[in-house]
Amino acid sequence: MSEREDGFVVVFCTAGPGEAEPLASALVEERLAACVNISPVRSCYFWEGKLNCDEEVLLIIKTKKSQFEPLQKRILELHSYAVPEIIALPIIEGHQPYLDWVAQSVG
């Protein structure tokens, strides 16, 4: 299967501020992700029947679609949340040299 057929995804994952960088570093070091952007966000959500609005960090993870399952497994092993956000969106188009770099960077 070619890289074009396999495809690429962007995975969103929120985390607490203290765990975002170690999580991002592990994903890149283990070649599950080519790059992880870390950006502060404020999230409002219901959890256990209560409205919460908290400071979090959004991890924007670039990888190949074929790496989603191992990436998700690793996030679940490292993440402190009972139900972490792990959402993959397909990359429909992209700058080919960048996508080539993603493909080369991911195991």
PDB file of N, CA and C in Angstrom:
ATOM      1  N   MET A   1       0.854  -1.183   0.000  1.00  0.00           N
ATOM      2  CA  MET A   1       0.000   0.000   0.000  1.00  0.00           C
ATOM      3  C   MET A   1       0.891   1.234   0.000  1.00  0.00           C
ATOM      4  N   SER A   2       0.634   2.166  -0.905  1.00  0.00           N
ATOM      5  CA  SER A   2       1.430   3.391  -0.982  1.00  0.00           C
ATOM      6  C   SER A   2       1.011   4.354   0.127  1.00  0.00           C
ATOM      7  N   GLU A   3       1.863   5.364   0.343  1.00  0.00           N
ATOM      8  CA  GLU A   3       1.537   6.379   1.357  1.00  0.00           C
ATOM      9  C   GLU A   3       0.231   7.085   1.017  1.00  0.00           C
ATOM     10  N   ARG A   4      -0.003   7.335  -0.269  1.00  0.00           N
ATOM     11  CA  ARG A   4      -1.240   7.995  -0.679  1.00  0.00           C
ATOM     12  C   ARG A   4      -2.453   7.135  -0.319  1.00  0.00           C
ATOM     13  N   GLU A   5      -2.354   5.812  -0.524  1.00  0.00           N
ATOM     14  CA  GLU A   5      -3.461   4.918  -0.216  1.00  0.00           C
ATOM     15  C   GLU A   5      -3.645   4.760   1.285  1.00  0.00           C
ATOM     16  N   ASP A   6      -2.527   4.699   2.020  1.00  0.00           N
ATOM     17  CA  ASP A   6      -2.589   4.564   3.478  1.00  0.00           C
ATOM     18  C   ASP A   6      -3.172   5.835   4.072  1.00  0.00           C
ATOM     19  N   GLY A   7      -2.692   6.958   3.653  1.00  0.00           N
ATOM     20  CA  GLY A   7      -3.185   8.244   4.110  1.00  0.00           C
ATOM     21  C   GLY A   7      -2.526   8.721   5.380  1.00  0.00           C
ATOM     22  N   PHE A   8      -2.845   9.934   5.700  1.00  0.00           N
ATOM     23  CA  PHE A   8      -2.309  10.614   6.869  1.00  0.00           C
ATOM     24  C   PHE A   8      -3.464  11.146   7.694  1.00  0.00           C
ATOM     25  N   VAL A   9      -3.235  11.290   8.994  1.00  0.00           N
ATOM     26  CA  VAL A   9      -4.256  11.816   9.885  1.00  0.00           C
ATOM     27  C   VAL A   9      -3.644  12.838  10.834  1.00  0.00           C
ATOM     28  N   VAL A  10      -4.512  13.699  11.326  1.00  0.00           N
ATOM     29  CA  VAL A  10      -4.201  14.585  12.437  1.00  0.00           C
ATOM     30  C   VAL A  10      -5.028  14.077  13.601  1.00  0.00           C
ATOM     31  N   VAL A  11      -4.382  13.834  14.719  1.00  0.00           N
ATOM     32  CA  VAL A  11      -5.066  13.315  15.900  1.00  0.00           C
ATOM     33  C   VAL A  11      -5.087  14.409  16.959  1.00  0.00           C
ATOM     34  N   PHE A  12      -6.261  14.684  17.493  1.00  0.00           N
ATOM     35  CA  PHE A  12      -6.414  15.631  18.601  1.00  0.00           C
ATOM     36  C   PHE A  12      -6.492  14.863  19.902  1.00  0.00           C
ATOM     37  N   CYS A  13      -5.777  15.351  20.892  1.00  0.00           N
ATOM     38  CA  CYS A  13      -5.806  14.757  22.220  1.00  0.00           C
ATOM     39  C   CYS A  13      -5.586  15.873  23.237  1.00  0.00           C
ATOM     40  N   THR A  14      -6.494  16.011  24.185  1.00  0.00           N
ATOM     41  CA  THR A  14      -6.291  16.987  25.249  1.00  0.00           C
ATOM     42  C   THR A  14      -5.680  16.297  26.459  1.00  0.00           C
ATOM     43  N   ALA A  15      -4.932  17.084  27.226  1.00  0.00           N
ATOM     44  CA  ALA A  15      -4.257  16.557  28.411  1.00  0.00           C
ATOM     45  C   ALA A  15      -4.076  17.677  29.410  1.00  0.00           C
ATOM     46  N   GLY A  16      -3.727  17.305  30.614  1.00  0.00           N
ATOM     47  CA  GLY A  16      -3.382  18.296  31.617  1.00  0.00           C
ATOM     48  C   GLY A  16      -2.056  18.947  31.251  1.00  0.00           C
ATOM     49  N   PRO A  17      -1.861  20.205  31.631  1.00  0.00           N
ATOM     50  CA  PRO A  17      -0.639  20.926  31.257  1.00  0.00           C
ATOM     51  C   PRO A  17       0.655  20.194  31.626  1.00  0.00           C
ATOM     52  N   GLY A  18       0.689  19.525  32.748  1.00  0.00           N
ATOM     53  CA  GLY A  18       1.906  18.860  33.184  1.00  0.00           C
ATOM     54  C   GLY A  18       2.243  17.580  32.430  1.00  0.00           C
ATOM     55  N   GLU A  19       1.262  16.980  31.778  1.00  0.00           N
ATOM     56  CA  GLU A  19       1.535  15.709  31.105  1.00  0.00           C
ATOM     57  C   GLU A  19       1.645  15.839  29.594  1.00  0.00           C
ATOM     58  N   ALA A  20       1.375  16.996  29.038  1.00  0.00           N
ATOM     59  CA  ALA A  20       1.356  17.153  27.586  1.00  0.00           C
ATOM     60  C   ALA A  20       2.729  16.942  26.952  1.00  0.00           C
ATOM     61  N   GLU A  21       3.752  17.591  27.477  1.00  0.00           N
ATOM     62  CA  GLU A  21       5.067  17.471  26.850  1.00  0.00           C
ATOM     63  C   GLU A  21       5.658  16.068  26.974  1.00  0.00           C
ATOM     64  N   PRO A  22       5.587  15.424  28.141  1.00  0.00           N
ATOM     65  CA  PRO A  22       6.080  14.038  28.190  1.00  0.00           C
ATOM     66  C   PRO A  22       5.322  13.105  27.244  1.00  0.00           C
ATOM     67  N   LEU A  23       4.023  13.309  27.104  1.00  0.00           N
ATOM     68  CA  LEU A  23       3.224  12.493  26.198  1.00  0.00           C
ATOM     69  C   LEU A  23       3.647  12.736  24.753  1.00  0.00           C
ATOM     70  N   ALA A  24       3.766  14.007  24.381  1.00  0.00           N
ATOM     71  CA  ALA A  24       4.185  14.354  23.020  1.00  0.00           C
ATOM     72  C   ALA A  24       5.569  13.795  22.720  1.00  0.00           C
ATOM     73  N   SER A  25       6.491  13.956  23.645  1.00  0.00           N
ATOM     74  CA  SER A  25       7.856  13.463  23.444  1.00  0.00           C
ATOM     75  C   SER A  25       7.883  11.953  23.251  1.00  0.00           C
ATOM     76  N   ALA A  26       7.108  11.227  24.041  1.00  0.00           N
ATOM     77  CA  ALA A  26       7.067   9.768  23.918  1.00  0.00           C
ATOM     78  C   ALA A  26       6.545   9.357  22.544  1.00  0.00           C
ATOM     79  N   LEU A  27       5.504  10.013  22.067  1.00  0.00           N
ATOM     80  CA  LEU A  27       4.922   9.646  20.773  1.00  0.00           C
ATOM     81  C   LEU A  27       5.898   9.884  19.628  1.00  0.00           C
ATOM     82  N   VAL A  28       6.658  10.989  19.705  1.00  0.00           N
ATOM     83  CA  VAL A  28       7.635  11.285  18.657  1.00  0.00           C
ATOM     84  C   VAL A  28       8.850  10.363  18.784  1.00  0.00           C
ATOM     85  N   GLU A  29       9.357  10.202  20.001  1.00  0.00           N
ATOM     86  CA  GLU A  29      10.523   9.329  20.205  1.00  0.00           C
ATOM     87  C   GLU A  29      10.248   7.896  19.771  1.00  0.00           C
ATOM     88  N   GLU A  30       9.026   7.429  19.987  1.00  0.00           N
ATOM     89  CA  GLU A  30       8.654   6.060  19.616  1.00  0.00           C
ATOM     90  C   GLU A  30       8.212   5.952  18.157  1.00  0.00           C
ATOM     91  N   ARG A  31       8.316   7.058  17.421  1.00  0.00           N
ATOM     92  CA  ARG A  31       8.014   7.128  15.989  1.00  0.00           C
ATOM     93  C   ARG A  31       6.558   6.777  15.669  1.00  0.00           C
ATOM     94  N   LEU A  32       5.691   7.071  16.627  1.00  0.00           N
ATOM     95  CA  LEU A  32       4.258   6.930  16.391  1.00  0.00           C
ATOM     96  C   LEU A  32       3.682   8.207  15.782  1.00  0.00           C
ATOM     97  N   ALA A  33       4.410   9.300  15.930  1.00  0.00           N
ATOM     98  CA  ALA A  33       4.016  10.604  15.396  1.00  0.00           C
ATOM     99  C   ALA A  33       5.241  11.290  14.824  1.00  0.00           C
ATOM    100  N   ALA A  34       5.025  12.038  13.744  1.00  0.00           N
ATOM    101  CA  ALA A  34       6.120  12.816  13.162  1.00  0.00           C
ATOM    102  C   ALA A  34       6.319  14.113  13.936  1.00  0.00           C
ATOM    103  N   CYS A  35       5.226  14.697  14.378  1.00  0.00           N
ATOM    104  CA  CYS A  35       5.267  15.997  15.042  1.00  0.00           C
ATOM    105  C   CYS A  35       4.038  16.118  15.933  1.00  0.00           C
ATOM    106  N   VAL A  36       4.218  16.770  17.074  1.00  0.00           N
ATOM    107  CA  VAL A  36       3.096  17.052  17.961  1.00  0.00           C
ATOM    108  C   VAL A  36       3.170  18.519  18.353  1.00  0.00           C
ATOM    109  N   ASN A  37       2.135  19.276  17.990  1.00  0.00           N
ATOM    110  CA  ASN A  37       2.031  20.660  18.441  1.00  0.00           C
ATOM    111  C   ASN A  37       1.319  20.670  19.784  1.00  0.00           C
ATOM    112  N   ILE A  38       1.754  21.543  20.663  1.00  0.00           N
ATOM    113  CA  ILE A  38       1.180  21.651  22.008  1.00  0.00           C
ATOM    114  C   ILE A  38       0.657  23.076  22.166  1.00  0.00           C
ATOM    115  N   SER A  39      -0.640  23.187  22.422  1.00  0.00           N
ATOM    116  CA  SER A  39      -1.256  24.509  22.500  1.00  0.00           C
ATOM    117  C   SER A  39      -2.221  24.577  23.682  1.00  0.00           C
ATOM    118  N   PRO A  40      -2.143  25.648  24.480  1.00  0.00           N
ATOM    119  CA  PRO A  40      -3.088  25.768  25.601  1.00  0.00           C
ATOM    120  C   PRO A  40      -4.510  26.020  25.097  1.00  0.00           C
ATOM    121  N   VAL A  41      -5.462  25.393  25.772  1.00  0.00           N
ATOM    122  CA  VAL A  41      -6.885  25.590  25.466  1.00  0.00           C
ATOM    123  C   VAL A  41      -7.673  25.623  26.777  1.00  0.00           C
ATOM    124  N   ARG A  42      -8.865  26.132  26.713  1.00  0.00           N
ATOM    125  CA  ARG A  42      -9.803  26.055  27.836  1.00  0.00           C
ATOM    126  C   ARG A  42     -10.962  25.197  27.364  1.00  0.00           C
ATOM    127  N   SER A  43     -11.224  24.110  28.066  1.00  0.00           N
ATOM    128  CA  SER A  43     -12.259  23.156  27.675  1.00  0.00           C
ATOM    129  C   SER A  43     -13.418  23.194  28.661  1.00  0.00           C
ATOM    130  N   CYS A  44     -14.633  23.224  28.117  1.00  0.00           N
ATOM    131  CA  CYS A  44     -15.848  23.125  28.931  1.00  0.00           C
ATOM    132  C   CYS A  44     -16.574  21.853  28.526  1.00  0.00           C
ATOM    133  N   TYR A  45     -16.963  21.056  29.511  1.00  0.00           N
ATOM    134  CA  TYR A  45     -17.543  19.750  29.247  1.00  0.00           C
ATOM    135  C   TYR A  45     -18.283  19.255  30.482  1.00  0.00           C
ATOM    136  N   PHE A  46     -19.200  18.319  30.259  1.00  0.00           N
ATOM    137  CA  PHE A  46     -19.855  17.638  31.368  1.00  0.00           C
ATOM    138  C   PHE A  46     -19.067  16.385  31.697  1.00  0.00           C
ATOM    139  N   TRP A  47     -18.809  16.156  32.975  1.00  0.00           N
ATOM    140  CA  TRP A  47     -18.166  14.926  33.427  1.00  0.00           C
ATOM    141  C   TRP A  47     -18.799  14.537  34.740  1.00  0.00           C
ATOM    142  N   GLU A  48     -19.301  13.310  34.786  1.00  0.00           N
ATOM    143  CA  GLU A  48     -19.974  12.779  35.965  1.00  0.00           C
ATOM    144  C   GLU A  48     -21.084  13.722  36.443  1.00  0.00           C
ATOM    145  N   GLY A  49     -21.865  14.222  35.466  1.00  0.00           N
ATOM    146  CA  GLY A  49     -23.023  15.054  35.752  1.00  0.00           C
ATOM    147  C   GLY A  49     -22.735  16.483  36.146  1.00  0.00           C
ATOM    148  N   LYS A  50     -21.487  16.912  36.058  1.00  0.00           N
ATOM    149  CA  LYS A  50     -21.101  18.262  36.477  1.00  0.00           C
ATOM    150  C   LYS A  50     -20.430  18.998  35.327  1.00  0.00           C
ATOM    151  N   LEU A  51     -20.791  20.278  35.146  1.00  0.00           N
ATOM    152  CA  LEU A  51     -20.140  21.113  34.144  1.00  0.00           C
ATOM    153  C   LEU A  51     -18.761  21.522  34.651  1.00  0.00           C
ATOM    154  N   ASN A  52     -17.752  21.296  33.840  1.00  0.00           N
ATOM    155  CA  ASN A  52     -16.378  21.668  34.163  1.00  0.00           C
ATOM    156  C   ASN A  52     -15.845  22.588  33.074  1.00  0.00           C
ATOM    157  N   CYS A  53     -15.074  23.577  33.441  1.00  0.00           N
ATOM    158  CA  CYS A  53     -14.331  24.416  32.505  1.00  0.00           C
ATOM    159  C   CYS A  53     -12.906  24.486  33.037  1.00  0.00           C
ATOM    160  N   ASP A  54     -11.985  23.854  32.317  1.00  0.00           N
ATOM    161  CA  ASP A  54     -10.624  23.688  32.810  1.00  0.00           C
ATOM    162  C   ASP A  54      -9.588  24.122  31.785  1.00  0.00           C
ATOM    163  N   GLU A  55      -8.418  24.498  32.294  1.00  0.00           N
ATOM    164  CA  GLU A  55      -7.260  24.742  31.441  1.00  0.00           C
ATOM    165  C   GLU A  55      -6.695  23.379  31.056  1.00  0.00           C
ATOM    166  N   GLU A  56      -6.517  23.175  29.779  1.00  0.00           N
ATOM    167  CA  GLU A  56      -5.932  21.946  29.269  1.00  0.00           C
ATOM    168  C   GLU A  56      -4.919  22.309  28.199  1.00  0.00           C
ATOM    169  N   VAL A  57      -4.314  21.288  27.642  1.00  0.00           N
ATOM    170  CA  VAL A  57      -3.394  21.465  26.534  1.00  0.00           C
ATOM    171  C   VAL A  57      -3.883  20.571  25.404  1.00  0.00           C
ATOM    172  N   LEU A  58      -3.922  21.134  24.195  1.00  0.00           N
ATOM    173  CA  LEU A  58      -4.332  20.359  23.023  1.00  0.00           C
ATOM    174  C   LEU A  58      -3.085  19.873  22.305  1.00  0.00           C
ATOM    175  N   LEU A  59      -3.002  18.564  22.143  1.00  0.00           N
ATOM    176  CA  LEU A  59      -1.935  17.964  21.355  1.00  0.00           C
ATOM    177  C   LEU A  59      -2.484  17.766  19.943  1.00  0.00           C
ATOM    178  N   ILE A  60      -1.781  18.293  18.957  1.00  0.00           N
ATOM    179  CA  ILE A  60      -2.147  18.137  17.553  1.00  0.00           C
ATOM    180  C   ILE A  60      -1.070  17.245  16.953  1.00  0.00           C
ATOM    181  N   ILE A  61      -1.446  16.006  16.693  1.00  0.00           N
ATOM    182  CA  ILE A  61      -0.498  14.941  16.365  1.00  0.00           C
ATOM    183  C   ILE A  61      -0.618  14.597  14.879  1.00  0.00           C
ATOM    184  N   LYS A  62       0.517  14.637  14.157  1.00  0.00           N
ATOM    185  CA  LYS A  62       0.527  14.268  12.750  1.00  0.00           C
ATOM    186  C   LYS A  62       1.173  12.902  12.593  1.00  0.00           C
ATOM    187  N   THR A  63       0.447  12.005  11.889  1.00  0.00           N
ATOM    188  CA  THR A  63       0.945  10.639  11.707  1.00  0.00           C
ATOM    189  C   THR A  63       0.302   9.998  10.486  1.00  0.00           C
ATOM    190  N   LYS A  64       0.669   8.767  10.228  1.00  0.00           N
ATOM    191  CA  LYS A  64       0.037   7.987   9.162  1.00  0.00           C
ATOM    192  C   LYS A  64      -1.197   7.293   9.734  1.00  0.00           C
ATOM    193  N   LYS A  65      -2.190   7.106   8.892  1.00  0.00           N
ATOM    194  CA  LYS A  65      -3.416   6.430   9.318  1.00  0.00           C
ATOM    195  C   LYS A  65      -3.111   5.042   9.872  1.00  0.00           C
ATOM    196  N   SER A  66      -2.157   4.351   9.280  1.00  0.00           N
ATOM    197  CA  SER A  66      -1.809   2.995   9.720  1.00  0.00           C
ATOM    198  C   SER A  66      -1.226   2.972  11.129  1.00  0.00           C
ATOM    199  N   GLN A  67      -0.788   4.118  11.636  1.00  0.00           N
ATOM    200  CA  GLN A  67      -0.220   4.191  12.982  1.00  0.00           C
ATOM    201  C   GLN A  67      -1.250   4.580  14.043  1.00  0.00           C
ATOM    202  N   PHE A  68      -2.507   4.799  13.631  1.00  0.00           N
ATOM    203  CA  PHE A  68      -3.497   5.262  14.603  1.00  0.00           C
ATOM    204  C   PHE A  68      -3.682   4.290  15.767  1.00  0.00           C
ATOM    205  N   GLU A  69      -3.866   3.014  15.483  1.00  0.00           N
ATOM    206  CA  GLU A  69      -4.124   2.049  16.566  1.00  0.00           C
ATOM    207  C   GLU A  69      -2.965   1.981  17.566  1.00  0.00           C
ATOM    208  N   PRO A  70      -1.704   1.821  17.123  1.00  0.00           N
ATOM    209  CA  PRO A  70      -0.617   1.815  18.108  1.00  0.00           C
ATOM    210  C   PRO A  70      -0.464   3.144  18.834  1.00  0.00           C
ATOM    211  N   LEU A  71      -0.724   4.251  18.130  1.00  0.00           N
ATOM    212  CA  LEU A  71      -0.659   5.570  18.768  1.00  0.00           C
ATOM    213  C   LEU A  71      -1.721   5.681  19.860  1.00  0.00           C
ATOM    214  N   GLN A  72      -2.954   5.283  19.531  1.00  0.00           N
ATOM    215  CA  GLN A  72      -4.036   5.319  20.520  1.00  0.00           C
ATOM    216  C   GLN A  72      -3.703   4.442  21.726  1.00  0.00           C
ATOM    217  N   LYS A  73      -3.190   3.254  21.471  1.00  0.00           N
ATOM    218  CA  LYS A  73      -2.822   2.351  22.560  1.00  0.00           C
ATOM    219  C   LYS A  73      -1.789   2.999  23.486  1.00  0.00           C
ATOM    220  N   ARG A  74      -0.800   3.650  22.893  1.00  0.00           N
ATOM    221  CA  ARG A  74       0.255   4.282  23.702  1.00  0.00           C
ATOM    222  C   ARG A  74      -0.296   5.468  24.488  1.00  0.00           C
ATOM    223  N   ILE A  75      -1.156   6.268  23.872  1.00  0.00           N
ATOM    224  CA  ILE A  75      -1.780   7.383  24.600  1.00  0.00           C
ATOM    225  C   ILE A  75      -2.542   6.840  25.805  1.00  0.00           C
ATOM    226  N   LEU A  76      -3.316   5.789  25.601  1.00  0.00           N
ATOM    227  CA  LEU A  76      -4.099   5.218  26.702  1.00  0.00           C
ATOM    228  C   LEU A  76      -3.201   4.687  27.820  1.00  0.00           C
ATOM    229  N   GLU A  77      -2.024   4.173  27.482  1.00  0.00           N
ATOM    230  CA  GLU A  77      -1.086   3.689  28.496  1.00  0.00           C
ATOM    231  C   GLU A  77      -0.496   4.834  29.320  1.00  0.00           C
ATOM    232  N   LEU A  78      -0.269   5.980  28.677  1.00  0.00           N
ATOM    233  CA  LEU A  78       0.436   7.091  29.324  1.00  0.00           C
ATOM    234  C   LEU A  78      -0.481   8.146  29.938  1.00  0.00           C
ATOM    235  N   HIS A  79      -1.704   8.237  29.467  1.00  0.00           N
ATOM    236  CA  HIS A  79      -2.606   9.341  29.819  1.00  0.00           C
ATOM    237  C   HIS A  79      -3.221   9.149  31.202  1.00  0.00           C
ATOM    238  N   SER A  80      -3.397  10.254  31.911  1.00  0.00           N
ATOM    239  CA  SER A  80      -3.977  10.186  33.255  1.00  0.00           C
ATOM    240  C   SER A  80      -5.513  10.211  33.253  1.00  0.00           C
ATOM    241  N   TYR A  81      -6.134  10.653  32.174  1.00  0.00           N
ATOM    242  CA  TYR A  81      -7.599  10.742  32.140  1.00  0.00           C
ATOM    243  C   TYR A  81      -8.216   9.350  32.005  1.00  0.00           C
ATOM    244  N   ALA A  82      -9.377   9.170  32.617  1.00  0.00           N
ATOM    245  CA  ALA A  82     -10.123   7.917  32.472  1.00  0.00           C
ATOM    246  C   ALA A  82     -10.614   7.739  31.037  1.00  0.00           C
ATOM    247  N   VAL A  83     -11.034   8.844  30.418  1.00  0.00           N
ATOM    248  CA  VAL A  83     -11.533   8.822  29.040  1.00  0.00           C
ATOM    249  C   VAL A  83     -10.890   9.984  28.275  1.00  0.00           C
ATOM    250  N   PRO A  84      -9.661   9.802  27.794  1.00  0.00           N
ATOM    251  CA  PRO A  84      -9.021  10.901  27.073  1.00  0.00           C
ATOM    252  C   PRO A  84      -9.626  11.109  25.682  1.00  0.00           C
ATOM    253  N   GLU A  85      -9.584  12.345  25.239  1.00  0.00           N
ATOM    254  CA  GLU A  85      -9.980  12.661  23.867  1.00  0.00           C
ATOM    255  C   GLU A  85      -8.897  12.122  22.929  1.00  0.00           C
ATOM    256  N   ILE A  86      -9.304  11.276  22.001  1.00  0.00           N
ATOM    257  CA  ILE A  86      -8.411  10.788  20.950  1.00  0.00           C
ATOM    258  C   ILE A  86      -9.259  10.749  19.682  1.00  0.00           C
ATOM    259  N   ILE A  87      -9.108  11.768  18.841  1.00  0.00           N
ATOM    260  CA  ILE A  87      -9.932  11.909  17.644  1.00  0.00           C
ATOM    261  C   ILE A  87      -9.020  12.073  16.442  1.00  0.00           C
ATOM    262  N   ALA A  88      -9.193  11.235  15.429  1.00  0.00           N
ATOM    263  CA  ALA A  88      -8.391  11.324  14.210  1.00  0.00           C
ATOM    264  C   ALA A  88      -9.217  11.919  13.077  1.00  0.00           C
ATOM    265  N   LEU A  89      -8.623  12.875  12.392  1.00  0.00           N
ATOM    266  CA  LEU A  89      -9.240  13.482  11.214  1.00  0.00           C
ATOM    267  C   LEU A  89      -8.331  13.224  10.014  1.00  0.00           C
ATOM    268  N   PRO A  90      -8.900  12.855   8.878  1.00  0.00           N
ATOM    269  CA  PRO A  90      -8.056  12.583   7.718  1.00  0.00           C
ATOM    270  C   PRO A  90      -7.453  13.871   7.165  1.00  0.00           C
ATOM    271  N   ILE A  91      -6.238  13.751   6.667  1.00  0.00           N
ATOM    272  CA  ILE A  91      -5.625  14.841   5.912  1.00  0.00           C
ATOM    273  C   ILE A  91      -6.002  14.588   4.454  1.00  0.00           C
ATOM    274  N   ILE A  92      -6.847  15.427   3.917  1.00  0.00           N
ATOM    275  CA  ILE A  92      -7.360  15.248   2.560  1.00  0.00           C
ATOM    276  C   ILE A  92      -6.300  15.613   1.526  1.00  0.00           C
ATOM    277  N   GLU A  93      -5.628  16.714   1.746  1.00  0.00           N
ATOM    278  CA  GLU A  93      -4.556  17.182   0.872  1.00  0.00           C
ATOM    279  C   GLU A  93      -3.475  17.787   1.746  1.00  0.00           C
ATOM    280  N   GLY A  94      -2.277  17.891   1.194  1.00  0.00           N
ATOM    281  CA  GLY A  94      -1.190  18.508   1.938  1.00  0.00           C
ATOM    282  C   GLY A  94       0.000  18.764   1.035  1.00  0.00           C
ATOM    283  N   HIS A  95       0.912  19.565   1.525  1.00  0.00           N
ATOM    284  CA  HIS A  95       2.160  19.869   0.819  1.00  0.00           C
ATOM    285  C   HIS A  95       2.964  18.580   0.752  1.00  0.00           C
ATOM    286  N   GLN A  96       3.196  18.059  -0.446  1.00  0.00           N
ATOM    287  CA  GLN A  96       3.785  16.729  -0.600  1.00  0.00           C
ATOM    288  C   GLN A  96       5.132  16.568   0.107  1.00  0.00           C
ATOM    289  N   PRO A  97       6.034  17.557   0.047  1.00  0.00           N
ATOM    290  CA  PRO A  97       7.286  17.383   0.793  1.00  0.00           C
ATOM    291  C   PRO A  97       7.054  17.212   2.308  1.00  0.00           C
ATOM    292  N   TYR A  98       6.058  17.904   2.858  1.00  0.00           N
ATOM    293  CA  TYR A  98       5.741  17.742   4.279  1.00  0.00           C
ATOM    294  C   TYR A  98       5.193  16.338   4.543  1.00  0.00           C
ATOM    295  N   LEU A  99       4.280  15.886   3.696  1.00  0.00           N
ATOM    296  CA  LEU A  99       3.724  14.542   3.869  1.00  0.00           C
ATOM    297  C   LEU A  99       4.803  13.472   3.704  1.00  0.00           C
ATOM    298  N   ASP A 100       5.745  13.688   2.811  1.00  0.00           N
ATOM    299  CA  ASP A 100       6.868  12.759   2.654  1.00  0.00           C
ATOM    300  C   ASP A 100       7.673  12.713   3.953  1.00  0.00           C
ATOM    301  N   TRP A 101       7.889  13.871   4.558  1.00  0.00           N
ATOM    302  CA  TRP A 101       8.632  13.940   5.823  1.00  0.00           C
ATOM    303  C   TRP A 101       7.870  13.194   6.934  1.00  0.00           C
ATOM    304  N   VAL A 102       6.540  13.376   6.990  1.00  0.00           N
ATOM    305  CA  VAL A 102       5.739  12.645   7.977  1.00  0.00           C
ATOM    306  C   VAL A 102       5.935  11.141   7.771  1.00  0.00           C
ATOM    307  N   ALA A 103       5.829  10.703   6.529  1.00  0.00           N
ATOM    308  CA  ALA A 103       5.961   9.274   6.222  1.00  0.00           C
ATOM    309  C   ALA A 103       7.340   8.747   6.640  1.00  0.00           C
ATOM    310  N   GLN A 104       8.386   9.518   6.428  1.00  0.00           N
ATOM    311  CA  GLN A 104       9.736   9.100   6.771  1.00  0.00           C
ATOM    312  C   GLN A 104       9.969   9.124   8.284  1.00  0.00           C
ATOM    313  N   SER A 105       9.249   9.984   8.977  1.00  0.00           N
ATOM    314  CA  SER A 105       9.460  10.175  10.417  1.00  0.00           C
ATOM    315  C   SER A 105       8.725   9.162  11.281  1.00  0.00           C
ATOM    316  N   VAL A 106       7.670   8.586  10.731  1.00  0.00           N
ATOM    317  CA  VAL A 106       6.821   7.664  11.483  1.00  0.00           C
ATOM    318  C   VAL A 106       7.254   6.232  11.161  1.00  0.00           C
ATOM    319  N   GLY A 107       7.338   5.404  12.236  1.00  0.00           N
ATOM    320  CA  GLY A 107       7.829   4.030  12.078  1.00  0.00           C
ATOM    321  C   GLY A 107       7.046   3.153  11.243  1.00  0.00           C
TER     322      GLY A 107
END
